[in-house]
Each structure stands twice: as structure tokens, then as C-alpha cells.
Amino acid sequence: MNPSPSPATLASTDLIDASHLAVQAFVREHARSGSQRERAVALTLAVRDSIRYDPYRIDLTSAGMRASTGAIQTDAR
């Protein structure tokens, strides 16, 4: 297993829009320092603990599933 992700692996996609300002702000806030593994764990925990999941009001459209949508909703709380 290669410990370093490739640029293709880290590239933005339709759902993981890593270049969006809200996503970048979320990452800066929650993955400040440490090894790549520590930062990944911190981000996983931040997503789990910060982004509200409501099974009765889930938006399964592409727009509703984007990382930036979750990051923006986190800011609104």
C-alpha cells in the first residue's frame, strides 16, 4: 500500500468539492497539525461530530450530498 496519496486521489470531484472555500475552511479548522494519518482521523471525527444527519430530511441529490453543502450547513449551526 502506498502511504502517499496521488494527485488524482486528492483531486476534487462532483461530490467531494475540495476546492470549495467552505470545505477548505472546514479542513483548516479541524486538521491543523500532525501526520497525514492524524489529520485524516481528525477530519473523520469532525465530519462525524459536526455535520448533522437527519434521516427524515436527507437530500440525496448531488447538490445535497456535496462536501461543501455539509460544510456550509455546519457553519449555519
N, C-alpha and C. Protein backbone atom coordinates (compact mmCIF):
# COMPACT_ATOMS: atom_id res chain seq x y z
N MET A 1 0.83 -1.18 0.00
CA MET A 1 0.00 0.00 0.00
C MET A 1 0.89 1.25 0.00
N ASN A 2 0.56 2.19 -0.85
CA ASN A 2 1.31 3.44 -0.96
C ASN A 2 0.84 4.42 0.11
N PRO A 3 1.71 4.88 1.01
CA PRO A 3 1.27 5.77 2.09
C PRO A 3 0.95 7.19 1.62
N SER A 4 1.43 7.59 0.47
CA SER A 4 1.17 8.93 -0.02
C SER A 4 0.11 8.91 -1.12
N PRO A 5 -0.95 9.70 -0.95
CA PRO A 5 -1.98 9.72 -1.98
C PRO A 5 -1.48 10.42 -3.24
N SER A 6 -1.98 9.98 -4.37
CA SER A 6 -1.60 10.60 -5.64
C SER A 6 -2.42 11.86 -5.87
N PRO A 7 -1.97 12.75 -6.76
CA PRO A 7 -2.76 13.94 -7.08
C PRO A 7 -4.17 13.59 -7.58
N ALA A 8 -4.30 12.50 -8.31
CA ALA A 8 -5.62 12.08 -8.80
C ALA A 8 -6.54 11.71 -7.64
N THR A 9 -5.97 11.09 -6.62
CA THR A 9 -6.75 10.72 -5.45
C THR A 9 -7.23 11.94 -4.68
N LEU A 10 -6.44 12.99 -4.67
CA LEU A 10 -6.76 14.19 -3.91
C LEU A 10 -7.55 15.23 -4.72
N ALA A 11 -7.79 14.97 -5.98
CA ALA A 11 -8.48 15.93 -6.85
C ALA A 11 -9.95 16.06 -6.46
N SER A 12 -10.49 17.24 -6.67
CA SER A 12 -11.91 17.48 -6.42
C SER A 12 -12.76 16.64 -7.36
N THR A 13 -13.93 16.26 -6.87
CA THR A 13 -14.92 15.56 -7.69
C THR A 13 -16.24 16.31 -7.55
N ASP A 14 -17.28 15.82 -8.20
CA ASP A 14 -18.57 16.48 -8.10
C ASP A 14 -19.09 16.49 -6.66
N LEU A 15 -18.85 15.40 -5.93
CA LEU A 15 -19.35 15.31 -4.56
C LEU A 15 -18.33 15.75 -3.52
N ILE A 16 -17.08 15.51 -3.78
CA ILE A 16 -16.03 15.95 -2.85
C ILE A 16 -15.35 17.16 -3.50
N ASP A 17 -15.98 18.29 -3.33
CA ASP A 17 -15.51 19.52 -3.97
C ASP A 17 -14.49 20.22 -3.08
N ALA A 18 -13.31 19.62 -3.01
CA ALA A 18 -12.26 20.06 -2.09
C ALA A 18 -11.77 21.48 -2.37
N SER A 19 -12.01 21.99 -3.55
CA SER A 19 -11.56 23.35 -3.85
C SER A 19 -12.57 24.41 -3.39
N HIS A 20 -13.73 24.00 -2.91
CA HIS A 20 -14.73 24.95 -2.42
C HIS A 20 -14.22 25.62 -1.14
N LEU A 21 -14.46 26.91 -1.02
CA LEU A 21 -13.95 27.67 0.13
C LEU A 21 -14.48 27.15 1.46
N ALA A 22 -15.72 26.72 1.51
CA ALA A 22 -16.28 26.20 2.76
C ALA A 22 -15.60 24.90 3.18
N VAL A 23 -15.29 24.06 2.21
CA VAL A 23 -14.59 22.80 2.51
C VAL A 23 -13.18 23.09 2.99
N GLN A 24 -12.50 24.01 2.32
CA GLN A 24 -11.14 24.36 2.73
C GLN A 24 -11.13 24.97 4.14
N ALA A 25 -12.12 25.78 4.47
CA ALA A 25 -12.20 26.37 5.81
C ALA A 25 -12.44 25.27 6.86
N PHE A 26 -13.30 24.30 6.53
CA PHE A 26 -13.57 23.19 7.45
C PHE A 26 -12.30 22.39 7.71
N VAL A 27 -11.55 22.12 6.65
CA VAL A 27 -10.30 21.37 6.78
C VAL A 27 -9.29 22.16 7.62
N ARG A 28 -9.15 23.45 7.34
CA ARG A 28 -8.21 24.28 8.11
C ARG A 28 -8.57 24.29 9.60
N GLU A 29 -9.85 24.32 9.89
CA GLU A 29 -10.29 24.37 11.28
C GLU A 29 -10.06 23.06 12.02
N HIS A 30 -10.25 21.93 11.33
CA HIS A 30 -10.25 20.65 12.02
C HIS A 30 -9.00 19.80 11.81
N ALA A 31 -8.18 20.10 10.84
CA ALA A 31 -6.97 19.30 10.59
C ALA A 31 -5.77 20.22 10.61
N ARG A 32 -5.47 20.77 11.75
CA ARG A 32 -4.45 21.80 11.87
C ARG A 32 -3.03 21.29 11.83
N SER A 33 -2.77 20.16 12.47
CA SER A 33 -1.38 19.69 12.52
C SER A 33 -1.34 18.19 12.72
N GLY A 34 -0.14 17.66 12.67
CA GLY A 34 0.06 16.24 12.87
C GLY A 34 0.41 15.54 11.57
N SER A 35 0.54 14.23 11.66
CA SER A 35 0.85 13.43 10.48
C SER A 35 -0.39 13.37 9.58
N GLN A 36 -0.21 12.85 8.37
CA GLN A 36 -1.35 12.71 7.47
C GLN A 36 -2.44 11.84 8.11
N ARG A 37 -2.01 10.80 8.78
CA ARG A 37 -2.98 9.92 9.44
C ARG A 37 -3.74 10.66 10.55
N GLU A 38 -3.03 11.42 11.36
CA GLU A 38 -3.68 12.17 12.44
C GLU A 38 -4.66 13.20 11.89
N ARG A 39 -4.28 13.85 10.80
CA ARG A 39 -5.17 14.83 10.18
C ARG A 39 -6.40 14.15 9.60
N ALA A 40 -6.22 12.97 8.98
CA ALA A 40 -7.35 12.22 8.42
C ALA A 40 -8.31 11.79 9.52
N VAL A 41 -7.77 11.32 10.65
CA VAL A 41 -8.62 10.93 11.78
C VAL A 41 -9.36 12.14 12.32
N ALA A 42 -8.66 13.27 12.46
CA ALA A 42 -9.30 14.49 12.96
C ALA A 42 -10.45 14.94 12.05
N LEU A 43 -10.23 14.86 10.74
CA LEU A 43 -11.29 15.23 9.79
C LEU A 43 -12.47 14.26 9.86
N THR A 44 -12.18 12.97 9.97
CA THR A 44 -13.25 11.98 10.06
C THR A 44 -14.11 12.23 11.30
N LEU A 45 -13.46 12.49 12.41
CA LEU A 45 -14.20 12.76 13.65
C LEU A 45 -14.97 14.08 13.55
N ALA A 46 -14.39 15.08 12.92
CA ALA A 46 -15.07 16.37 12.77
C ALA A 46 -16.31 16.24 11.90
N VAL A 47 -16.21 15.47 10.82
CA VAL A 47 -17.38 15.25 9.97
C VAL A 47 -18.44 14.50 10.76
N ARG A 48 -18.03 13.46 11.46
CA ARG A 48 -18.99 12.67 12.25
C ARG A 48 -19.69 13.52 13.31
N ASP A 49 -18.93 14.39 13.97
CA ASP A 49 -19.46 15.13 15.11
C ASP A 49 -20.07 16.48 14.74
N SER A 50 -19.73 17.04 13.59
CA SER A 50 -20.14 18.41 13.26
C SER A 50 -21.27 18.51 12.24
N ILE A 51 -21.35 17.56 11.36
CA ILE A 51 -22.34 17.66 10.28
C ILE A 51 -23.57 16.88 10.68
N ARG A 52 -24.66 17.58 10.78
CA ARG A 52 -25.90 16.99 11.25
C ARG A 52 -26.45 15.97 10.26
N TYR A 53 -26.86 14.85 10.78
CA TYR A 53 -27.51 13.82 9.97
C TYR A 53 -28.94 13.67 10.47
N ASP A 54 -29.88 13.95 9.60
CA ASP A 54 -31.29 13.80 9.93
C ASP A 54 -31.91 12.85 8.91
N PRO A 55 -32.17 11.61 9.28
CA PRO A 55 -32.68 10.64 8.31
C PRO A 55 -34.04 10.99 7.74
N TYR A 56 -34.75 11.93 8.35
CA TYR A 56 -36.07 12.31 7.87
C TYR A 56 -36.02 13.48 6.88
N ARG A 57 -34.88 14.16 6.81
CA ARG A 57 -34.76 15.32 5.92
C ARG A 57 -33.48 15.25 5.09
N ILE A 58 -33.10 14.08 4.66
CA ILE A 58 -31.86 13.92 3.91
C ILE A 58 -32.09 14.27 2.44
N ASP A 59 -31.16 15.00 1.87
CA ASP A 59 -31.22 15.41 0.47
C ASP A 59 -30.26 14.51 -0.32
N LEU A 60 -30.81 13.59 -1.09
CA LEU A 60 -30.00 12.63 -1.83
C LEU A 60 -29.62 13.10 -3.23
N THR A 61 -29.86 14.38 -3.54
CA THR A 61 -29.43 14.91 -4.82
C THR A 61 -27.93 15.14 -4.78
N SER A 62 -27.33 15.34 -5.95
CA SER A 62 -25.89 15.63 -6.00
C SER A 62 -25.57 16.87 -5.18
N ALA A 63 -26.40 17.90 -5.30
CA ALA A 63 -26.15 19.13 -4.54
C ALA A 63 -26.24 18.88 -3.04
N GLY A 64 -27.17 18.06 -2.60
CA GLY A 64 -27.33 17.78 -1.18
C GLY A 64 -26.23 16.92 -0.59
N MET A 65 -25.57 16.13 -1.44
CA MET A 65 -24.53 15.22 -0.96
C MET A 65 -23.13 15.80 -1.06
N ARG A 66 -22.98 17.00 -1.59
CA ARG A 66 -21.65 17.60 -1.74
C ARG A 66 -21.01 17.92 -0.39
N ALA A 67 -19.71 17.81 -0.35
CA ALA A 67 -18.97 18.15 0.87
C ALA A 67 -19.20 19.60 1.25
N SER A 68 -19.26 20.48 0.28
CA SER A 68 -19.44 21.91 0.58
C SER A 68 -20.82 22.16 1.20
N THR A 69 -21.83 21.39 0.81
CA THR A 69 -23.15 21.55 1.40
C THR A 69 -23.10 21.22 2.89
N GLY A 70 -22.42 20.13 3.23
CA GLY A 70 -22.27 19.77 4.64
C GLY A 70 -21.46 20.79 5.41
N ALA A 71 -20.40 21.31 4.80
CA ALA A 71 -19.57 22.31 5.46
C ALA A 71 -20.33 23.60 5.67
N ILE A 72 -21.14 23.99 4.70
CA ILE A 72 -21.94 25.22 4.84
C ILE A 72 -22.99 25.03 5.91
N GLN A 73 -23.63 23.87 5.97
CA GLN A 73 -24.64 23.61 7.00
C GLN A 73 -24.02 23.61 8.38
N THR A 74 -22.77 23.20 8.49
CA THR A 74 -22.06 23.22 9.76
C THR A 74 -21.89 24.66 10.24
N ASP A 75 -21.55 25.57 9.29
CA ASP A 75 -21.39 26.98 9.63
C ASP A 75 -22.68 27.60 10.11
N ALA A 76 -23.81 27.12 9.60
CA ALA A 76 -25.11 27.71 9.92
C ALA A 76 -25.61 27.33 11.30
N ARG A 77 -24.99 26.33 11.93
CA ARG A 77 -25.48 25.89 13.26
C ARG A 77 -25.07 26.83 14.33
